[in-house]
N, C-alpha and C. Protein backbone atom coordinates (compact mmCIF):
# COMPACT_ATOMS: atom_id res chain seq x y z
N MET A 1 121.95 21.77 112.36
CA MET A 1 122.78 22.95 112.53
C MET A 1 122.15 24.15 111.84
N THR A 2 122.04 25.27 112.57
CA THR A 2 121.43 26.45 111.97
C THR A 2 122.45 27.52 111.64
N GLU A 3 123.44 27.70 112.49
CA GLU A 3 124.48 28.66 112.14
C GLU A 3 125.75 28.30 112.89
N SER A 4 126.85 28.91 112.50
CA SER A 4 128.13 28.50 113.05
C SER A 4 128.91 29.67 113.62
N LYS A 5 129.96 29.30 114.36
CA LYS A 5 130.84 30.29 114.96
C LYS A 5 132.08 30.43 114.11
N PRO A 6 132.69 31.63 114.01
CA PRO A 6 133.81 31.85 113.14
C PRO A 6 135.16 31.28 113.61
N SER A 7 136.12 30.96 112.69
CA SER A 7 137.53 30.43 112.89
C SER A 7 138.22 29.96 111.61
N ALA A 8 139.49 29.48 111.20
CA ALA A 8 139.94 28.77 109.95
C ALA A 8 141.38 28.33 109.78
N ARG A 9 142.28 28.50 108.94
CA ARG A 9 143.38 27.65 108.52
C ARG A 9 144.79 28.17 108.69
N HIS A 10 145.74 27.25 108.70
CA HIS A 10 147.13 27.56 108.98
C HIS A 10 147.81 28.33 107.85
N ASN A 11 147.88 27.73 106.67
CA ASN A 11 148.86 28.18 105.70
C ASN A 11 148.28 28.93 104.52
N ILE A 12 147.16 29.63 104.71
CA ILE A 12 146.73 30.57 103.69
C ILE A 12 147.55 31.84 103.91
N VAL A 13 147.92 32.48 102.84
CA VAL A 13 148.97 33.49 102.92
C VAL A 13 148.58 34.72 103.71
N THR A 14 147.35 35.21 103.58
CA THR A 14 147.03 36.49 104.18
C THR A 14 146.86 36.40 105.68
N ILE A 15 147.15 37.50 106.36
CA ILE A 15 147.00 37.54 107.80
C ILE A 15 145.54 37.37 108.18
N ALA A 16 144.63 37.89 107.36
CA ALA A 16 143.21 37.73 107.66
C ALA A 16 142.84 36.26 107.73
N SER A 17 143.37 35.45 106.82
CA SER A 17 143.08 34.03 106.83
C SER A 17 143.66 33.38 108.06
N MET A 18 144.87 33.76 108.44
CA MET A 18 145.50 33.16 109.60
C MET A 18 144.75 33.54 110.87
N CYS A 19 144.14 34.71 110.89
CA CYS A 19 143.38 35.12 112.06
C CYS A 19 142.15 34.24 112.26
N LEU A 20 141.70 33.59 111.23
CA LEU A 20 140.55 32.72 111.32
C LEU A 20 140.81 31.57 112.29
N LEU A 21 142.06 31.22 112.48
CA LEU A 21 142.43 30.15 113.41
C LEU A 21 142.07 30.51 114.85
N VAL A 22 142.20 31.79 115.20
CA VAL A 22 142.06 32.20 116.58
C VAL A 22 140.95 33.23 116.75
N LEU A 23 139.98 33.20 115.87
CA LEU A 23 138.98 34.25 115.82
C LEU A 23 138.22 34.38 117.14
N MET A 24 137.91 33.26 117.76
CA MET A 24 137.13 33.32 118.99
C MET A 24 137.90 33.99 120.12
N GLY A 25 139.24 33.97 120.03
CA GLY A 25 140.04 34.56 121.09
C GLY A 25 140.58 35.92 120.74
N GLY A 26 140.25 36.44 119.57
CA GLY A 26 140.80 37.71 119.13
C GLY A 26 141.97 37.48 118.21
N CYS A 27 142.10 38.32 117.21
CA CYS A 27 143.14 38.13 116.21
C CYS A 27 144.35 38.98 116.52
N SER A 28 145.53 38.42 116.44
CA SER A 28 146.75 39.16 116.73
C SER A 28 147.49 39.49 115.46
N ASP A 29 148.15 40.64 115.43
CA ASP A 29 149.00 40.96 114.30
C ASP A 29 150.40 40.41 114.56
N ARG A 30 151.36 40.70 113.69
CA ARG A 30 152.69 40.12 113.81
C ARG A 30 153.44 40.60 115.05
N SER A 31 153.02 41.69 115.65
CA SER A 31 153.69 42.18 116.85
C SER A 31 153.24 41.43 118.08
N GLY A 32 152.20 40.61 117.96
CA GLY A 32 151.67 39.88 119.10
C GLY A 32 150.57 40.63 119.81
N GLY A 33 150.28 41.87 119.40
CA GLY A 33 149.21 42.64 120.00
C GLY A 33 147.91 42.44 119.24
N LYS A 34 146.87 43.11 119.72
CA LYS A 34 145.58 43.03 119.04
C LYS A 34 145.62 43.84 117.74
N VAL A 35 144.88 43.37 116.75
CA VAL A 35 144.75 44.17 115.54
C VAL A 35 143.93 45.41 115.87
N PRO A 36 144.08 46.48 115.09
CA PRO A 36 143.33 47.71 115.37
C PRO A 36 141.82 47.46 115.35
N SER A 37 141.10 48.35 116.01
CA SER A 37 139.64 48.23 116.06
C SER A 37 139.04 48.87 114.82
N TYR A 38 139.15 48.16 113.72
CA TYR A 38 138.57 48.65 112.48
C TYR A 38 137.05 48.61 112.57
N LYS A 39 136.40 49.56 111.91
CA LYS A 39 134.95 49.71 112.02
C LYS A 39 134.22 49.02 110.88
N GLN A 40 133.20 48.26 111.24
CA GLN A 40 132.34 47.67 110.21
C GLN A 40 131.41 48.73 109.66
N ASN A 41 131.15 48.61 108.36
CA ASN A 41 130.22 49.51 107.69
C ASN A 41 128.80 49.20 108.16
N PRO A 42 128.11 50.15 108.80
CA PRO A 42 126.77 49.87 109.31
C PRO A 42 125.71 49.76 108.21
N ALA A 43 126.01 50.26 107.02
CA ALA A 43 125.03 50.23 105.93
C ALA A 43 125.71 49.84 104.62
N PRO A 44 126.19 48.59 104.52
CA PRO A 44 126.86 48.17 103.28
C PRO A 44 125.90 48.14 102.10
N ILE A 45 126.44 48.45 100.93
CA ILE A 45 125.63 48.48 99.70
C ILE A 45 125.94 47.27 98.81
N GLU A 46 127.21 46.90 98.73
CA GLU A 46 127.62 45.81 97.85
C GLU A 46 127.55 44.47 98.59
N GLN A 47 126.35 43.91 98.67
CA GLN A 47 126.15 42.67 99.41
C GLN A 47 125.91 41.49 98.47
N TYR A 48 126.32 40.32 98.93
CA TYR A 48 126.21 39.10 98.12
C TYR A 48 125.70 37.94 98.97
N ASN A 49 124.84 37.14 98.36
CA ASN A 49 124.47 35.86 98.95
C ASN A 49 125.56 34.86 98.64
N LEU A 50 126.05 34.16 99.64
CA LEU A 50 126.99 33.07 99.45
C LEU A 50 126.25 31.75 99.61
N THR A 51 126.61 30.78 98.76
CA THR A 51 126.05 29.44 98.87
C THR A 51 127.17 28.42 98.84
N VAL A 52 127.14 27.48 99.78
CA VAL A 52 128.10 26.39 99.83
C VAL A 52 127.33 25.10 99.60
N ALA A 53 127.72 24.35 98.57
CA ALA A 53 127.07 23.08 98.25
C ALA A 53 128.10 21.96 98.28
N VAL A 54 127.73 20.84 98.89
CA VAL A 54 128.61 19.68 99.02
C VAL A 54 128.02 18.54 98.23
N GLU A 55 128.87 17.83 97.49
CA GLU A 55 128.41 16.72 96.67
C GLU A 55 129.26 15.48 96.94
N ASN A 56 128.58 14.36 97.22
CA ASN A 56 129.23 13.05 97.35
C ASN A 56 130.12 12.94 98.58
N ALA A 57 129.85 13.74 99.61
CA ALA A 57 130.66 13.66 100.84
C ALA A 57 130.34 12.37 101.59
N PRO A 58 131.32 11.85 102.34
CA PRO A 58 131.10 10.61 103.09
C PRO A 58 130.17 10.77 104.29
N GLY A 59 129.98 12.00 104.74
CA GLY A 59 129.15 12.25 105.91
C GLY A 59 128.81 13.72 106.03
N PRO A 60 128.11 14.09 107.11
CA PRO A 60 127.67 15.48 107.28
C PRO A 60 128.78 16.38 107.79
N PHE A 61 128.51 17.68 107.73
CA PHE A 61 129.41 18.69 108.28
C PHE A 61 128.65 19.47 109.34
N ASP A 62 129.11 19.33 110.58
CA ASP A 62 128.45 20.03 111.68
C ASP A 62 128.98 21.44 111.88
N LEU A 63 130.12 21.74 111.27
CA LEU A 63 130.70 23.07 111.44
C LEU A 63 131.02 23.67 110.07
N VAL A 64 130.41 24.79 109.79
CA VAL A 64 130.67 25.54 108.56
C VAL A 64 130.88 26.99 108.99
N GLU A 65 132.06 27.52 108.70
CA GLU A 65 132.41 28.84 109.20
C GLU A 65 133.33 29.55 108.22
N GLY A 66 133.52 30.84 108.42
CA GLY A 66 134.38 31.55 107.49
C GLY A 66 134.65 32.98 107.87
N LEU A 67 135.43 33.63 107.00
CA LEU A 67 135.76 35.05 107.13
C LEU A 67 135.60 35.71 105.77
N MET A 68 135.02 36.89 105.76
CA MET A 68 135.09 37.77 104.61
C MET A 68 136.32 38.61 104.80
N GLN A 69 137.28 38.50 103.86
CA GLN A 69 138.61 39.09 104.02
C GLN A 69 138.74 40.42 103.28
N TYR A 70 139.47 41.34 103.91
CA TYR A 70 139.70 42.67 103.34
C TYR A 70 141.16 43.05 103.54
N ARG A 71 141.60 44.04 102.74
CA ARG A 71 142.94 44.59 102.96
C ARG A 71 142.93 46.09 102.69
N ILE A 72 143.82 46.77 103.39
CA ILE A 72 144.00 48.21 103.18
C ILE A 72 144.86 48.39 101.93
N THR A 73 144.39 49.22 101.02
CA THR A 73 145.09 49.41 99.74
C THR A 73 146.17 50.47 99.79
N ASN A 74 146.15 51.31 100.81
CA ASN A 74 147.15 52.38 100.93
C ASN A 74 147.86 52.26 102.28
N PRO A 75 148.85 51.38 102.39
CA PRO A 75 149.51 51.14 103.68
C PRO A 75 150.20 52.36 104.28
N GLU A 76 150.34 53.43 103.51
CA GLU A 76 150.94 54.65 104.08
C GLU A 76 150.05 55.26 105.16
N CYS A 77 148.79 54.81 105.25
CA CYS A 77 147.91 55.31 106.30
C CYS A 77 148.17 54.61 107.64
N LEU A 78 148.97 53.55 107.62
CA LEU A 78 149.28 52.80 108.83
C LEU A 78 150.37 53.50 109.63
N PRO A 79 150.52 53.15 110.91
CA PRO A 79 151.63 53.70 111.69
C PRO A 79 152.96 53.38 111.03
N PRO A 80 154.00 54.17 111.30
CA PRO A 80 155.31 53.92 110.68
C PRO A 80 155.83 52.53 111.05
N ALA A 81 156.63 51.98 110.14
CA ALA A 81 157.29 50.70 110.43
C ALA A 81 158.26 50.90 111.60
N GLU A 82 158.62 49.80 112.26
CA GLU A 82 159.58 49.87 113.35
C GLU A 82 160.91 50.42 112.86
N SER A 83 161.48 51.36 113.61
CA SER A 83 162.71 52.02 113.16
C SER A 83 163.89 51.05 113.11
N PHE A 84 163.93 50.08 114.02
CA PHE A 84 165.07 49.16 114.06
C PHE A 84 164.99 48.12 112.95
N SER A 85 163.85 47.46 112.82
CA SER A 85 163.72 46.35 111.87
C SER A 85 163.20 46.80 110.51
N GLY A 86 162.52 47.96 110.47
CA GLY A 86 161.90 48.39 109.23
C GLY A 86 160.67 47.61 108.87
N VAL A 87 160.15 46.81 109.80
CA VAL A 87 159.00 45.95 109.55
C VAL A 87 157.72 46.67 109.98
N GLN A 88 156.71 46.58 109.11
CA GLN A 88 155.39 47.13 109.44
C GLN A 88 154.69 46.14 110.38
N MET A 89 154.44 46.58 111.61
CA MET A 89 153.89 45.68 112.61
C MET A 89 152.37 45.74 112.70
N THR A 90 151.76 46.69 112.04
CA THR A 90 150.30 46.79 112.07
C THR A 90 149.71 46.11 110.84
N SER A 91 148.82 45.20 111.07
CA SER A 91 148.25 44.44 109.97
C SER A 91 147.39 45.32 109.07
N GLN A 92 147.54 45.12 107.76
CA GLN A 92 146.67 45.81 106.81
C GLN A 92 145.56 44.88 106.33
N PHE A 93 145.44 43.72 106.97
CA PHE A 93 144.40 42.75 106.63
C PHE A 93 143.42 42.61 107.78
N TYR A 94 142.18 42.29 107.44
CA TYR A 94 141.17 42.10 108.47
C TYR A 94 140.08 41.19 107.91
N GLY A 95 139.42 40.48 108.82
CA GLY A 95 138.35 39.59 108.39
C GLY A 95 137.12 39.73 109.26
N ILE A 96 135.95 39.73 108.63
CA ILE A 96 134.68 39.74 109.34
C ILE A 96 134.10 38.33 109.32
N PRO A 97 133.73 37.79 110.48
CA PRO A 97 133.18 36.43 110.52
C PRO A 97 131.93 36.28 109.65
N ILE A 98 131.84 35.14 109.01
CA ILE A 98 130.67 34.81 108.19
C ILE A 98 129.84 33.79 108.95
N GLU A 99 128.56 34.06 109.10
CA GLU A 99 127.66 33.14 109.79
C GLU A 99 126.77 32.44 108.77
N PHE A 100 126.89 31.13 108.72
CA PHE A 100 126.13 30.34 107.76
C PHE A 100 124.89 29.72 108.39
N SER A 101 123.86 29.56 107.59
CA SER A 101 122.67 28.82 107.97
C SER A 101 122.50 27.65 107.02
N ARG A 102 122.03 26.53 107.54
CA ARG A 102 121.80 25.36 106.69
C ARG A 102 120.38 25.42 106.14
N LEU A 103 120.28 25.28 104.82
CA LEU A 103 118.98 25.33 104.16
C LEU A 103 118.40 23.93 104.03
N GLN A 104 117.12 23.86 103.66
CA GLN A 104 116.44 22.57 103.58
C GLN A 104 117.04 21.65 102.54
N ASP A 105 117.63 22.21 101.49
CA ASP A 105 118.20 21.37 100.44
C ASP A 105 119.61 20.88 100.79
N GLY A 106 120.07 21.18 102.01
CA GLY A 106 121.38 20.70 102.44
C GLY A 106 122.53 21.64 102.13
N THR A 107 122.26 22.74 101.45
CA THR A 107 123.30 23.73 101.20
C THR A 107 123.39 24.68 102.40
N TYR A 108 124.43 25.51 102.37
CA TYR A 108 124.65 26.48 103.45
C TYR A 108 124.67 27.87 102.83
N ALA A 109 124.09 28.83 103.52
CA ALA A 109 123.95 30.17 102.95
C ALA A 109 124.36 31.23 103.95
N ALA A 110 124.85 32.35 103.43
CA ALA A 110 125.24 33.49 104.25
C ALA A 110 125.22 34.73 103.36
N VAL A 111 125.32 35.89 103.99
CA VAL A 111 125.41 37.16 103.28
C VAL A 111 126.71 37.84 103.68
N VAL A 112 127.47 38.32 102.68
CA VAL A 112 128.70 39.06 102.92
C VAL A 112 128.63 40.39 102.17
N ALA A 113 129.49 41.31 102.56
CA ALA A 113 129.53 42.63 101.92
C ALA A 113 130.93 42.93 101.42
N ALA A 114 131.01 43.37 100.17
CA ALA A 114 132.30 43.79 99.63
C ALA A 114 132.77 45.08 100.30
N ASP A 115 131.82 45.89 100.73
CA ASP A 115 132.14 47.15 101.41
C ASP A 115 131.83 47.01 102.91
N GLY A 116 132.31 45.94 103.49
CA GLY A 116 131.97 45.63 104.87
C GLY A 116 132.72 46.43 105.92
N LEU A 117 133.78 47.13 105.53
CA LEU A 117 134.55 47.93 106.48
C LEU A 117 134.54 49.39 106.06
N GLU A 118 134.60 50.26 107.06
CA GLU A 118 134.56 51.69 106.79
C GLU A 118 135.95 52.24 106.46
N ASP A 119 136.02 53.04 105.40
CA ASP A 119 137.22 53.83 105.15
C ASP A 119 137.26 54.93 106.20
N ALA A 120 138.38 55.02 106.92
CA ALA A 120 138.46 56.02 107.99
C ALA A 120 139.92 56.30 108.33
N ASP A 121 140.14 57.36 109.07
CA ASP A 121 141.48 57.72 109.53
C ASP A 121 141.69 57.03 110.89
N TYR A 122 142.21 55.81 110.86
CA TYR A 122 142.34 55.02 112.08
C TYR A 122 143.59 55.36 112.89
N PHE A 123 144.59 55.96 112.26
CA PHE A 123 145.88 56.14 112.92
C PHE A 123 146.38 57.58 112.88
N GLY A 124 145.51 58.52 112.43
CA GLY A 124 145.91 59.91 112.35
C GLY A 124 146.91 60.17 111.23
N ARG A 125 146.90 59.31 110.21
CA ARG A 125 147.85 59.45 109.10
C ARG A 125 147.11 59.46 107.74
N GLY A 126 145.84 59.81 107.78
CA GLY A 126 145.05 59.83 106.56
C GLY A 126 144.08 58.66 106.52
N ILE A 127 143.12 58.77 105.62
CA ILE A 127 142.07 57.75 105.52
C ILE A 127 142.63 56.45 104.95
N CYS A 128 142.35 55.35 105.63
CA CYS A 128 142.69 54.01 105.14
C CYS A 128 141.55 53.51 104.25
N HIS A 129 141.90 53.05 103.07
CA HIS A 129 140.90 52.56 102.12
C HIS A 129 140.94 51.03 102.05
N TRP A 130 139.77 50.42 102.09
CA TRP A 130 139.65 48.97 102.10
C TRP A 130 139.22 48.44 100.74
N GLU A 131 139.67 47.24 100.41
CA GLU A 131 139.13 46.51 99.27
C GLU A 131 138.88 45.07 99.70
N PRO A 132 137.86 44.40 99.10
CA PRO A 132 137.58 43.02 99.47
C PRO A 132 138.59 42.07 98.85
N MET A 133 138.93 41.03 99.59
CA MET A 133 139.78 39.96 99.07
C MET A 133 138.96 38.71 98.78
N GLY A 134 137.76 38.64 99.35
CA GLY A 134 136.88 37.50 99.12
C GLY A 134 136.67 36.66 100.37
N PRO A 135 135.68 35.78 100.33
CA PRO A 135 135.38 34.94 101.49
C PRO A 135 136.24 33.69 101.54
N LEU A 136 136.58 33.28 102.75
CA LEU A 136 137.30 32.04 103.02
C LEU A 136 136.40 31.18 103.91
N VAL A 137 136.18 29.93 103.52
CA VAL A 137 135.24 29.06 104.23
C VAL A 137 135.93 27.75 104.58
N GLN A 138 135.62 27.23 105.77
CA GLN A 138 136.08 25.89 106.12
C GLN A 138 134.90 25.08 106.64
N MET A 139 134.98 23.77 106.39
CA MET A 139 133.94 22.84 106.84
C MET A 139 134.61 21.71 107.62
N ARG A 140 133.95 21.29 108.68
CA ARG A 140 134.50 20.24 109.52
C ARG A 140 133.38 19.28 109.91
N ALA A 141 133.69 18.00 110.01
CA ALA A 141 132.67 17.01 110.34
C ALA A 141 132.03 17.29 111.69
N ALA A 142 132.85 17.71 112.65
CA ALA A 142 132.36 18.02 113.99
C ALA A 142 133.02 19.28 114.50
N ASP A 143 132.41 19.89 115.50
CA ASP A 143 132.94 21.12 116.08
C ASP A 143 134.03 20.76 117.09
N ASN A 144 135.22 20.47 116.56
CA ASN A 144 136.34 20.12 117.42
C ASN A 144 137.63 20.61 116.77
N LYS A 145 138.76 20.30 117.37
CA LYS A 145 140.05 20.71 116.83
C LYS A 145 140.85 19.50 116.34
N VAL A 146 140.16 18.42 116.05
CA VAL A 146 140.80 17.18 115.63
C VAL A 146 140.49 16.85 114.17
N ASP A 147 139.23 16.97 113.79
CA ASP A 147 138.83 16.61 112.44
C ASP A 147 139.49 17.52 111.40
N ALA A 148 139.63 16.99 110.19
CA ALA A 148 140.19 17.76 109.09
C ALA A 148 139.29 18.96 108.77
N ARG A 149 139.92 20.01 108.26
CA ARG A 149 139.20 21.20 107.82
C ARG A 149 139.26 21.27 106.30
N PHE A 150 138.10 21.22 105.67
CA PHE A 150 138.03 21.28 104.21
C PHE A 150 137.77 22.74 103.84
N ILE A 151 138.73 23.33 103.13
CA ILE A 151 138.80 24.78 102.95
C ILE A 151 138.59 25.17 101.50
N ILE A 152 137.82 26.22 101.31
CA ILE A 152 137.58 26.75 99.97
C ILE A 152 137.46 28.27 100.08
N SER A 153 137.88 28.98 99.06
CA SER A 153 137.78 30.43 99.07
C SER A 153 137.33 30.93 97.70
N LEU A 154 136.89 32.17 97.70
CA LEU A 154 136.40 32.81 96.48
C LEU A 154 137.14 34.13 96.34
N SER A 155 137.73 34.36 95.16
CA SER A 155 138.43 35.62 94.94
C SER A 155 137.43 36.77 94.86
N SER A 156 137.93 37.98 95.00
CA SER A 156 137.05 39.15 94.89
C SER A 156 136.46 39.25 93.49
N VAL A 157 137.21 38.80 92.48
CA VAL A 157 136.72 38.84 91.10
C VAL A 157 135.53 37.89 90.94
N LYS A 158 135.68 36.67 91.46
CA LYS A 158 134.58 35.70 91.36
C LYS A 158 133.40 36.08 92.24
N LEU A 159 133.69 36.71 93.37
CA LEU A 159 132.61 37.20 94.22
C LEU A 159 131.72 38.17 93.45
N ALA A 160 132.35 39.09 92.73
CA ALA A 160 131.60 40.11 92.00
C ALA A 160 130.92 39.54 90.75
N SER A 161 131.57 38.58 90.09
CA SER A 161 131.04 38.07 88.82
C SER A 161 130.01 36.96 89.00
N GLY A 162 130.04 36.30 90.16
CA GLY A 162 129.15 35.16 90.37
C GLY A 162 129.70 33.84 89.87
N GLU A 163 130.93 33.86 89.35
CA GLU A 163 131.55 32.61 88.88
C GLU A 163 131.86 31.71 90.07
N PRO A 164 131.39 30.46 90.07
CA PRO A 164 131.61 29.59 91.23
C PRO A 164 133.04 29.07 91.32
N GLU A 165 133.41 28.66 92.51
CA GLU A 165 134.67 27.97 92.77
C GLU A 165 134.33 26.57 93.25
N ARG A 166 134.95 25.57 92.62
CA ARG A 166 134.69 24.18 93.02
C ARG A 166 136.01 23.49 93.33
N LYS A 167 136.05 22.81 94.47
CA LYS A 167 137.23 22.07 94.88
C LYS A 167 136.86 20.62 95.15
N HIS A 168 137.84 19.73 94.94
CA HIS A 168 137.65 18.30 95.15
C HIS A 168 138.58 17.83 96.25
N TYR A 169 138.07 16.90 97.08
CA TYR A 169 138.80 16.45 98.26
C TYR A 169 138.73 14.93 98.36
N LYS A 170 139.76 14.33 98.95
CA LYS A 170 139.76 12.89 99.16
C LYS A 170 138.70 12.51 100.18
N ARG A 171 137.87 11.53 99.82
CA ARG A 171 136.88 11.04 100.77
C ARG A 171 137.56 10.43 101.99
N ASP A 172 138.72 9.83 101.80
CA ASP A 172 139.43 9.18 102.90
C ASP A 172 139.92 10.17 103.95
N ASN A 173 139.95 11.46 103.61
CA ASN A 173 140.38 12.47 104.59
C ASN A 173 139.26 12.87 105.53
N TYR A 174 138.06 12.39 105.27
CA TYR A 174 136.90 12.68 106.12
C TYR A 174 136.70 11.52 107.10
N PRO A 175 136.44 11.72 108.38
CA PRO A 175 136.40 13.05 109.01
C PRO A 175 137.77 13.56 109.41
N ARG A 176 138.77 12.65 109.47
CA ARG A 176 140.09 13.10 109.92
C ARG A 176 141.16 12.16 109.40
N ILE A 177 142.40 12.64 109.46
CA ILE A 177 143.55 11.79 109.18
C ILE A 177 144.43 11.78 110.43
N LYS A 178 145.61 11.20 110.34
CA LYS A 178 146.48 11.09 111.52
C LYS A 178 146.94 12.45 112.01
N ILE A 179 147.02 13.42 111.12
CA ILE A 179 147.41 14.78 111.51
C ILE A 179 146.16 15.52 112.00
N ALA A 180 146.14 15.86 113.28
CA ALA A 180 144.98 16.55 113.83
C ALA A 180 144.82 17.93 113.22
N ASP A 181 143.56 18.32 113.01
CA ASP A 181 143.26 19.68 112.54
C ASP A 181 143.86 19.93 111.15
N TYR A 182 143.90 18.90 110.34
CA TYR A 182 144.56 18.99 109.03
C TYR A 182 143.82 19.94 108.10
N PRO A 183 144.52 20.94 107.51
CA PRO A 183 143.87 21.87 106.59
C PRO A 183 143.92 21.35 105.15
N ASP A 184 142.81 20.86 104.66
CA ASP A 184 142.74 20.28 103.32
C ASP A 184 142.17 21.34 102.36
N THR A 185 143.02 21.84 101.46
CA THR A 185 142.58 22.88 100.53
C THR A 185 142.08 22.31 99.21
N GLY A 186 142.11 20.98 99.06
CA GLY A 186 141.53 20.35 97.88
C GLY A 186 142.26 20.67 96.60
N LYS A 187 141.67 20.20 95.50
CA LYS A 187 142.23 20.43 94.17
C LYS A 187 141.11 20.88 93.23
N SER A 188 141.45 21.76 92.29
CA SER A 188 140.45 22.28 91.36
C SER A 188 139.99 21.22 90.36
N ASP A 189 140.88 20.31 90.00
CA ASP A 189 140.59 19.28 89.00
C ASP A 189 140.82 17.91 89.64
N PRO A 190 139.82 17.03 89.64
CA PRO A 190 140.03 15.69 90.20
C PRO A 190 141.14 14.93 89.49
N GLY A 191 141.46 15.33 88.26
CA GLY A 191 142.55 14.70 87.53
C GLY A 191 143.92 14.96 88.14
N GLU A 192 143.98 15.91 89.09
CA GLU A 192 145.24 16.18 89.79
C GLU A 192 145.56 15.11 90.82
N PHE A 193 144.55 14.31 91.19
CA PHE A 193 144.78 13.21 92.12
C PHE A 193 145.38 12.02 91.38
N ASP A 194 146.05 11.14 92.13
CA ASP A 194 146.50 9.89 91.54
C ASP A 194 145.30 9.13 91.00
N GLU A 195 145.52 8.35 89.96
CA GLU A 195 144.41 7.70 89.25
C GLU A 195 143.53 6.87 90.17
N GLU A 196 144.13 6.18 91.13
CA GLU A 196 143.33 5.33 92.01
C GLU A 196 142.48 6.12 92.99
N ILE A 197 142.74 7.43 93.12
CA ILE A 197 141.99 8.28 94.04
C ILE A 197 140.83 8.99 93.35
N ARG A 198 140.90 9.16 92.05
CA ARG A 198 139.96 10.04 91.34
C ARG A 198 138.50 9.65 91.51
N GLY A 199 138.23 8.39 91.69
CA GLY A 199 136.85 7.97 91.90
C GLY A 199 136.43 8.00 93.35
N LYS A 200 137.30 8.50 94.22
CA LYS A 200 137.03 8.50 95.65
C LYS A 200 137.17 9.91 96.20
N VAL A 201 136.51 10.85 95.54
CA VAL A 201 136.58 12.24 95.97
C VAL A 201 135.18 12.80 96.16
N PHE A 202 135.09 13.88 96.90
CA PHE A 202 133.84 14.64 96.99
C PHE A 202 134.16 16.09 96.66
N SER A 203 133.15 16.89 96.44
CA SER A 203 133.38 18.28 96.03
C SER A 203 132.63 19.26 96.91
N ILE A 204 133.19 20.46 97.00
CA ILE A 204 132.54 21.60 97.63
C ILE A 204 132.53 22.73 96.62
N THR A 205 131.37 23.35 96.44
CA THR A 205 131.23 24.48 95.51
C THR A 205 130.81 25.72 96.29
N LEU A 206 131.53 26.79 96.08
CA LEU A 206 131.23 28.08 96.72
C LEU A 206 130.89 29.08 95.62
N LYS A 207 129.74 29.70 95.73
CA LYS A 207 129.35 30.68 94.71
C LYS A 207 128.61 31.85 95.36
N SER A 208 128.52 32.93 94.60
CA SER A 208 127.89 34.14 95.12
C SER A 208 126.84 34.64 94.14
N LYS A 209 125.94 35.46 94.67
CA LYS A 209 124.95 36.13 93.84
C LYS A 209 124.68 37.49 94.47
N GLU A 210 124.83 38.53 93.66
CA GLU A 210 124.64 39.89 94.19
C GLU A 210 123.21 40.07 94.64
N LEU A 211 123.04 40.66 95.82
CA LEU A 211 121.70 40.96 96.30
C LEU A 211 121.12 42.10 95.50
N THR A 212 119.87 41.98 95.14
CA THR A 212 119.22 43.04 94.38
C THR A 212 119.04 44.26 95.26
N LYS A 213 119.27 45.42 94.64
CA LYS A 213 119.17 46.68 95.38
C LYS A 213 117.72 46.96 95.75
């Protein structure tokens, strides 16, 4: 595998994360329409190398994909909320697909940008300002909709600092369980598993390194 196509998980809170589920078909906001055509920054400055390393997994991962997530910090730049419900129907979240390459040492690598979206006046209500939320990554044994999805994310703070995120997952959940397309978010500490499971886990580590200017 050299690179992957974007997509991801059910119950991560942000809309950007939920859009990862349907990325290939276009992401919808809560109104059921398309999200606005936000512009990618053609010349990002704050770029980071991402590395995904897997340890003690029961088998290979043929699909590694993700989103670099962003949110608008000043929602007053968005169109007005619906007058009847008072609900803001335009998403203030957006995600740029992350394309990973597999390296010779078995790790996966990609480049993301903290300033990946352009601040602009998208709705005629003033400039919308973006901030990074961090990358969200999922791994799957095969490129299908049946195998479990092993999910890991990195906060914007850890993205900037280079502090890694490590999650532990049940080996028995690979490649799949009875629930199709199961989103496994893992645990930070293997001690959180029942005692009989602790010796039967594998780990995924996600870390970043700022690209030199």
